[in-house]
Amino acid sequence: MTPVRLALYGFVGLVLLYLMIPVIIIVPMSFSSARFLSFPPPAFSLRWYEAYLGSVAWMQATKVSLILAVSSSVISTVLGTAAAYALNNSKSRLVQSLQVILLLPLVTPIVIIAIGVFFVYAKVGLLATIPGLVLANVMLGIPYVITAVLVGLRKFDPTQEMVARSLGMNRLRSFFVVTLPQIRPSVISGTLFAFISALDETVVALFIAGGENQTLTKRMFTALRDEIDPTIAAISSLLTAVSFLLVILIALNAREAKPVPEERVNGH
């Protein structure tokens, strides 16, 4: 191994270590037996995981977050896939320019989005409601789905769909039979990114969530203002584990692209 390559590997290792330090510290602290956060923990215990699972308030916030993440990721997938398909197939400059608008939530500061959503919801009565939270996170999730699906569509040969349509299929059926199976990994990746985004979203939730419809991340944030409870470390560890597993699924899905069997096209 050359010195240059060795130095590169060492640099990458240091960067990865720097990125992992918060996780490396938080996970052991979540198993601490101490009443307050301390590192290293004086002894190991599962008391804070038991406190989380046994708390009605924390379980309610977890339920809201899961409903929000599942609902918004499903809706984002449907709308984002349809938008990506239209952007990929349309030759209109107007339609192509819409891509910039659809991707705006990715480049706009999240605080600006949160303030705008708050004032709109205050007018229409959607503050502290599940539909309001879902709609806000759909807006934030659609750009992830569009980006992921466009990658899959641009690797897909549209001639295959045209052949299916020439054999009698309409556009909708040819999409589900020919196109969707081949871009499925990209669609699933977009769905998982939208799920992670909704599950971890904090800033928008701080502005529009409330009452019984508080998300887990908002409740964690407000709890930190009152007391540094080690339960926060336990919840953070669980959220990190879930996000890590979903990222692994995204990586595995990226390898799954398989061509549609020819008989499926010819057999309608």
Foldseek 3Di string as FASTA:
>chain_A
DDPVVVVVVVVVVVVVCVVCVVVVQLQCQLQAPDFFGDPPHPDGHNVLVVVQVVDPLNVLQAVLLQVLLQLLLVVLLVVLLVLLVCCVPDPDPVSVVCLCVLQVLVVDPVLVLLVVLLVVCVVVVQFQHSVSLNVSLNSNLNNLLSVLLNVQVVVDDCVLLVLLVVLPDDNVVSCVQAVCLQSVLSSLLSSLVSSLCSSQDANSLCRRHDDSNRHNNPVLVVVVVVGRGSSSSVVVNVSVVVNVVSVVSSVVSVPPRDHRPPCSSVVD
